[in-house]
Amino acid sequence: QVQLQESGPGLVKPSQTLSLTCTVSGASITTNLQYWDWIRQPPGKGLEWMGAINYDGDTYYSPSLKSRTSISRDTSKNQITLHLSSVTPEDTAVYYCVERTGAIWGSWGQGTQVTVSS
């Protein structure tokens, strides 16, 4: 059973960079054909796919967020990291780390609330 746990600051000031870490257990992030997605859900809105990193370290980003988003990994710690720069209150959301095989989402982290406010 793959388990994912997001961690990071719950409060970020506008214009700063948000950094979140996803710690994966029960599977290696380099497992063939595995993708690791970041998805967020702003209050009262639907899920928004932000980007992903795959088993080879290739990254993929939502066009609307590409200029502000960076996803990386630490294979020694089995962690995925999300950086979102120049945040505004519109980036307030619950952020999820999600396992994906092809087009099928599998395990989700519990999510972490991030509020952007001065």
N, C-alpha and C. Protein backbone atom coordinates (compact mmCIF):
# COMPACT_ATOMS: atom_id res chain seq x y z
N GLN A 1 0.84 -1.19 0.00
CA GLN A 1 0.00 0.00 0.00
C GLN A 1 0.88 1.24 0.00
N VAL A 2 0.72 2.04 -1.02
CA VAL A 2 1.49 3.27 -1.13
C VAL A 2 0.86 4.34 -0.23
N GLN A 3 1.69 5.00 0.52
CA GLN A 3 1.20 6.09 1.37
C GLN A 3 1.97 7.37 1.03
N LEU A 4 1.27 8.48 1.00
CA LEU A 4 1.86 9.77 0.69
C LEU A 4 1.51 10.74 1.80
N GLN A 5 2.46 11.56 2.17
CA GLN A 5 2.25 12.53 3.23
C GLN A 5 2.83 13.88 2.82
N GLU A 6 1.94 14.85 2.71
CA GLU A 6 2.38 16.20 2.37
C GLU A 6 2.82 16.95 3.63
N SER A 7 3.79 17.81 3.47
CA SER A 7 4.22 18.64 4.59
C SER A 7 4.70 19.99 4.07
N GLY A 8 4.58 20.99 4.93
CA GLY A 8 5.01 22.33 4.55
C GLY A 8 4.31 23.37 5.39
N PRO A 9 4.60 24.63 5.16
CA PRO A 9 4.00 25.69 5.96
C PRO A 9 2.52 25.86 5.65
N GLY A 10 1.75 26.12 6.65
CA GLY A 10 0.32 26.32 6.46
C GLY A 10 -0.02 27.75 6.05
N LEU A 11 0.91 28.65 6.26
CA LEU A 11 0.68 30.06 5.96
C LEU A 11 1.87 30.63 5.21
N VAL A 12 1.59 31.27 4.10
CA VAL A 12 2.62 31.87 3.26
C VAL A 12 2.20 33.31 2.93
N LYS A 13 3.14 34.21 2.92
CA LYS A 13 2.83 35.60 2.60
C LYS A 13 2.79 35.82 1.09
N PRO A 14 1.98 36.73 0.65
CA PRO A 14 1.94 37.05 -0.79
C PRO A 14 3.32 37.42 -1.33
N SER A 15 3.57 37.00 -2.55
CA SER A 15 4.81 37.20 -3.30
C SER A 15 5.91 36.22 -2.92
N GLN A 16 5.73 35.46 -1.84
CA GLN A 16 6.73 34.48 -1.45
C GLN A 16 6.59 33.19 -2.27
N THR A 17 7.52 32.29 -2.05
CA THR A 17 7.49 30.98 -2.71
C THR A 17 7.00 29.93 -1.73
N LEU A 18 5.99 29.20 -2.17
CA LEU A 18 5.45 28.09 -1.40
C LEU A 18 6.24 26.83 -1.73
N SER A 19 6.66 26.13 -0.69
CA SER A 19 7.38 24.87 -0.89
C SER A 19 6.71 23.77 -0.08
N LEU A 20 6.34 22.70 -0.75
CA LEU A 20 5.71 21.56 -0.11
C LEU A 20 6.49 20.29 -0.45
N THR A 21 6.52 19.38 0.51
CA THR A 21 7.20 18.10 0.31
C THR A 21 6.21 16.97 0.45
N CYS A 22 6.34 15.99 -0.42
CA CYS A 22 5.54 14.78 -0.36
C CYS A 22 6.49 13.61 -0.06
N THR A 23 6.29 12.98 1.08
CA THR A 23 7.09 11.82 1.44
C THR A 23 6.31 10.57 1.09
N VAL A 24 6.93 9.71 0.29
CA VAL A 24 6.27 8.50 -0.20
C VAL A 24 6.81 7.28 0.54
N SER A 25 5.92 6.42 0.98
CA SER A 25 6.32 5.15 1.59
C SER A 25 5.53 4.02 0.94
N GLY A 26 6.12 2.86 0.96
CA GLY A 26 5.46 1.70 0.37
C GLY A 26 5.78 1.49 -1.10
N ALA A 27 6.51 2.41 -1.68
CA ALA A 27 6.92 2.29 -3.08
C ALA A 27 8.04 3.28 -3.34
N SER A 28 8.85 2.95 -4.31
CA SER A 28 9.92 3.87 -4.71
C SER A 28 9.40 4.85 -5.74
N ILE A 29 9.81 6.11 -5.63
CA ILE A 29 9.37 7.11 -6.60
C ILE A 29 10.00 6.89 -7.97
N THR A 30 10.95 5.95 -8.05
CA THR A 30 11.56 5.62 -9.33
C THR A 30 10.96 4.36 -9.95
N THR A 31 9.90 3.85 -9.34
CA THR A 31 9.24 2.65 -9.88
C THR A 31 8.78 2.92 -11.31
N ASN A 32 9.07 1.99 -12.19
CA ASN A 32 8.75 2.15 -13.60
C ASN A 32 7.28 2.50 -13.84
N LEU A 33 7.08 3.49 -14.67
CA LEU A 33 5.74 3.94 -15.10
C LEU A 33 4.96 4.71 -14.04
N GLN A 34 5.57 4.99 -12.91
CA GLN A 34 4.88 5.75 -11.87
C GLN A 34 5.05 7.25 -12.08
N TYR A 35 3.96 7.97 -11.86
CA TYR A 35 3.96 9.42 -11.89
C TYR A 35 3.51 9.92 -10.52
N TRP A 36 3.99 11.10 -10.18
CA TRP A 36 3.66 11.69 -8.88
C TRP A 36 3.16 13.11 -9.14
N ASP A 37 1.87 13.28 -8.90
CA ASP A 37 1.20 14.52 -9.25
C ASP A 37 1.02 15.44 -8.04
N TRP A 38 0.95 16.72 -8.33
CA TRP A 38 0.47 17.70 -7.36
C TRP A 38 -0.85 18.24 -7.87
N ILE A 39 -1.85 18.20 -7.00
CA ILE A 39 -3.20 18.65 -7.31
C ILE A 39 -3.64 19.54 -6.17
N ARG A 40 -4.38 20.58 -6.47
CA ARG A 40 -4.87 21.44 -5.40
C ARG A 40 -6.36 21.69 -5.55
N GLN A 41 -6.96 22.11 -4.45
CA GLN A 41 -8.38 22.43 -4.46
C GLN A 41 -8.61 23.70 -3.67
N PRO A 42 -8.84 24.81 -4.36
CA PRO A 42 -9.15 26.06 -3.66
C PRO A 42 -10.50 25.95 -2.97
N PRO A 43 -10.75 26.75 -1.96
CA PRO A 43 -12.03 26.68 -1.24
C PRO A 43 -13.20 26.92 -2.18
N GLY A 44 -14.16 26.03 -2.15
CA GLY A 44 -15.36 26.16 -2.95
C GLY A 44 -15.19 25.88 -4.44
N LYS A 45 -14.02 25.37 -4.81
CA LYS A 45 -13.76 25.10 -6.23
C LYS A 45 -13.37 23.64 -6.44
N GLY A 46 -13.20 23.26 -7.68
CA GLY A 46 -12.84 21.89 -8.01
C GLY A 46 -11.35 21.64 -7.94
N LEU A 47 -10.99 20.42 -8.25
CA LEU A 47 -9.58 20.02 -8.25
C LEU A 47 -8.86 20.63 -9.44
N GLU A 48 -7.63 21.06 -9.19
CA GLU A 48 -6.79 21.61 -10.26
C GLU A 48 -5.48 20.85 -10.30
N TRP A 49 -5.18 20.25 -11.45
CA TRP A 49 -3.91 19.56 -11.62
C TRP A 49 -2.82 20.59 -11.85
N MET A 50 -1.75 20.49 -11.08
CA MET A 50 -0.69 21.49 -11.16
C MET A 50 0.51 20.99 -11.98
N GLY A 51 0.84 19.74 -11.79
CA GLY A 51 2.01 19.22 -12.48
C GLY A 51 2.38 17.85 -11.95
N ALA A 52 3.44 17.28 -12.52
CA ALA A 52 3.85 15.94 -12.13
C ALA A 52 5.33 15.73 -12.42
N ILE A 53 5.87 14.72 -11.75
CA ILE A 53 7.21 14.23 -12.06
C ILE A 53 7.11 12.72 -12.19
N ASN A 54 7.83 12.16 -13.14
CA ASN A 54 7.68 10.73 -13.33
C ASN A 54 8.89 9.95 -12.81
N TYR A 55 8.86 8.65 -13.05
CA TYR A 55 9.88 7.74 -12.53
C TYR A 55 11.28 8.04 -13.05
N ASP A 56 11.33 8.70 -14.20
CA ASP A 56 12.62 9.07 -14.79
C ASP A 56 13.06 10.48 -14.39
N GLY A 57 12.23 11.18 -13.65
CA GLY A 57 12.55 12.54 -13.27
C GLY A 57 12.07 13.58 -14.27
N ASP A 58 11.33 13.16 -15.28
CA ASP A 58 10.75 14.11 -16.23
C ASP A 58 9.61 14.86 -15.56
N THR A 59 9.49 16.13 -15.87
CA THR A 59 8.46 16.95 -15.24
C THR A 59 7.44 17.46 -16.27
N TYR A 60 6.24 17.70 -15.79
CA TYR A 60 5.12 18.14 -16.61
C TYR A 60 4.37 19.18 -15.79
N TYR A 61 3.93 20.26 -16.46
CA TYR A 61 3.28 21.34 -15.73
C TYR A 61 2.00 21.79 -16.43
N SER A 62 1.06 22.24 -15.60
CA SER A 62 -0.12 22.88 -16.15
C SER A 62 0.30 24.16 -16.86
N PRO A 63 -0.19 24.40 -18.07
CA PRO A 63 0.19 25.62 -18.78
C PRO A 63 -0.10 26.89 -17.99
N SER A 64 -1.17 26.87 -17.24
CA SER A 64 -1.56 28.08 -16.50
C SER A 64 -0.65 28.35 -15.31
N LEU A 65 0.09 27.36 -14.86
CA LEU A 65 0.96 27.51 -13.70
C LEU A 65 2.43 27.33 -14.02
N LYS A 66 2.73 26.99 -15.24
CA LYS A 66 4.08 26.58 -15.62
C LYS A 66 5.14 27.61 -15.26
N SER A 67 4.81 28.87 -15.43
CA SER A 67 5.81 29.92 -15.20
C SER A 67 6.16 30.07 -13.72
N ARG A 68 5.31 29.53 -12.83
CA ARG A 68 5.54 29.71 -11.39
C ARG A 68 5.83 28.40 -10.66
N THR A 69 5.79 27.28 -11.37
CA THR A 69 5.84 25.98 -10.71
C THR A 69 7.12 25.23 -11.03
N SER A 70 7.64 24.57 -10.01
CA SER A 70 8.79 23.68 -10.19
C SER A 70 8.57 22.45 -9.31
N ILE A 71 8.76 21.28 -9.92
CA ILE A 71 8.64 20.03 -9.19
C ILE A 71 9.97 19.28 -9.30
N SER A 72 10.44 18.80 -8.17
CA SER A 72 11.70 18.07 -8.15
C SER A 72 11.57 16.86 -7.23
N ARG A 73 12.65 16.08 -7.15
CA ARG A 73 12.60 14.90 -6.31
C ARG A 73 13.93 14.66 -5.63
N ASP A 74 13.87 13.93 -4.53
CA ASP A 74 15.06 13.46 -3.82
C ASP A 74 14.90 11.95 -3.70
N THR A 75 15.59 11.22 -4.56
CA THR A 75 15.41 9.77 -4.57
C THR A 75 15.98 9.12 -3.31
N SER A 76 16.96 9.74 -2.68
CA SER A 76 17.54 9.17 -1.46
C SER A 76 16.55 9.22 -0.30
N LYS A 77 15.65 10.21 -0.35
CA LYS A 77 14.64 10.36 0.71
C LYS A 77 13.26 9.90 0.25
N ASN A 78 13.15 9.53 -1.02
CA ASN A 78 11.86 9.13 -1.60
C ASN A 78 10.82 10.24 -1.43
N GLN A 79 11.23 11.45 -1.80
CA GLN A 79 10.38 12.63 -1.64
C GLN A 79 10.22 13.38 -2.95
N ILE A 80 9.06 14.01 -3.07
CA ILE A 80 8.75 14.89 -4.18
C ILE A 80 8.53 16.28 -3.59
N THR A 81 9.05 17.31 -4.26
CA THR A 81 8.91 18.67 -3.77
C THR A 81 8.23 19.56 -4.80
N LEU A 82 7.34 20.39 -4.31
CA LEU A 82 6.65 21.39 -5.14
C LEU A 82 7.08 22.77 -4.70
N HIS A 83 7.46 23.60 -5.66
CA HIS A 83 7.71 25.01 -5.41
C HIS A 83 6.76 25.82 -6.27
N LEU A 84 6.07 26.77 -5.65
CA LEU A 84 5.17 27.66 -6.37
C LEU A 84 5.56 29.09 -6.00
N SER A 85 6.03 29.83 -6.96
CA SER A 85 6.56 31.16 -6.67
C SER A 85 5.50 32.25 -6.82
N SER A 86 5.83 33.40 -6.29
CA SER A 86 4.98 34.60 -6.43
C SER A 86 3.52 34.32 -6.08
N VAL A 87 3.31 33.72 -4.94
CA VAL A 87 1.95 33.32 -4.57
C VAL A 87 1.08 34.53 -4.27
N THR A 88 -0.21 34.36 -4.50
CA THR A 88 -1.23 35.35 -4.18
C THR A 88 -2.32 34.65 -3.37
N PRO A 89 -3.27 35.41 -2.82
CA PRO A 89 -4.36 34.76 -2.08
C PRO A 89 -5.12 33.73 -2.91
N GLU A 90 -5.09 33.87 -4.24
CA GLU A 90 -5.76 32.90 -5.12
C GLU A 90 -5.09 31.53 -5.09
N ASP A 91 -3.90 31.44 -4.52
CA ASP A 91 -3.21 30.16 -4.38
C ASP A 91 -3.57 29.45 -3.09
N THR A 92 -4.44 30.06 -2.30
CA THR A 92 -4.93 29.41 -1.09
C THR A 92 -5.73 28.16 -1.49
N ALA A 93 -5.35 27.02 -0.92
CA ALA A 93 -5.98 25.76 -1.33
C ALA A 93 -5.49 24.63 -0.43
N VAL A 94 -6.14 23.50 -0.58
CA VAL A 94 -5.61 22.25 -0.04
C VAL A 94 -4.78 21.62 -1.15
N TYR A 95 -3.55 21.29 -0.83
CA TYR A 95 -2.62 20.74 -1.80
C TYR A 95 -2.44 19.24 -1.54
N TYR A 96 -2.56 18.47 -2.62
CA TYR A 96 -2.47 17.02 -2.52
C TYR A 96 -1.31 16.49 -3.37
N CYS A 97 -0.69 15.45 -2.85
CA CYS A 97 0.28 14.66 -3.61
C CYS A 97 -0.44 13.36 -3.98
N VAL A 98 -0.33 12.95 -5.25
CA VAL A 98 -1.11 11.81 -5.73
C VAL A 98 -0.25 10.89 -6.57
N GLU A 99 -0.41 9.62 -6.35
CA GLU A 99 0.27 8.60 -7.15
C GLU A 99 -0.56 8.34 -8.42
N ARG A 100 0.13 8.18 -9.53
CA ARG A 100 -0.59 7.89 -10.78
C ARG A 100 0.18 6.87 -11.61
N THR A 101 -0.57 5.94 -12.17
CA THR A 101 0.00 4.98 -13.12
C THR A 101 -0.71 5.20 -14.44
N GLY A 102 -0.01 5.70 -15.41
CA GLY A 102 -0.63 6.07 -16.66
C GLY A 102 -1.63 7.18 -16.43
N ALA A 103 -2.89 6.90 -16.75
CA ALA A 103 -3.94 7.91 -16.57
C ALA A 103 -4.79 7.65 -15.34
N ILE A 104 -4.38 6.73 -14.52
CA ILE A 104 -5.19 6.31 -13.39
C ILE A 104 -4.56 6.76 -12.08
N TRP A 105 -5.28 7.61 -11.37
CA TRP A 105 -4.81 8.02 -10.05
C TRP A 105 -4.99 6.87 -9.06
N GLY A 106 -4.01 6.74 -8.19
CA GLY A 106 -4.08 5.71 -7.17
C GLY A 106 -4.21 6.33 -5.80
N SER A 107 -3.14 6.21 -5.00
CA SER A 107 -3.19 6.72 -3.63
C SER A 107 -3.05 8.24 -3.59
N TRP A 108 -3.77 8.84 -2.66
CA TRP A 108 -3.70 10.27 -2.41
C TRP A 108 -3.13 10.52 -1.01
N GLY A 109 -2.41 11.59 -0.86
CA GLY A 109 -2.06 12.04 0.46
C GLY A 109 -3.29 12.64 1.13
N GLN A 110 -3.19 12.92 2.41
CA GLN A 110 -4.34 13.48 3.12
C GLN A 110 -4.58 14.94 2.77
N GLY A 111 -3.60 15.57 2.15
CA GLY A 111 -3.74 16.97 1.78
C GLY A 111 -3.23 17.89 2.88
N THR A 112 -2.74 19.03 2.45
CA THR A 112 -2.28 20.03 3.41
C THR A 112 -2.85 21.39 3.04
N GLN A 113 -3.42 22.07 4.00
CA GLN A 113 -4.02 23.38 3.78
C GLN A 113 -2.92 24.43 3.73
N VAL A 114 -2.95 25.24 2.68
CA VAL A 114 -2.03 26.37 2.56
C VAL A 114 -2.85 27.63 2.39
N THR A 115 -2.60 28.58 3.23
CA THR A 115 -3.28 29.87 3.15
C THR A 115 -2.26 30.95 2.80
N VAL A 116 -2.59 31.75 1.81
CA VAL A 116 -1.72 32.86 1.42
C VAL A 116 -2.34 34.14 1.96
N SER A 117 -1.65 34.76 2.90
CA SER A 117 -2.18 35.95 3.54
C SER A 117 -1.05 36.71 4.21
N SER A 118 -1.21 38.02 4.22
CA SER A 118 -0.21 38.84 4.91
C SER A 118 -0.55 38.98 6.39
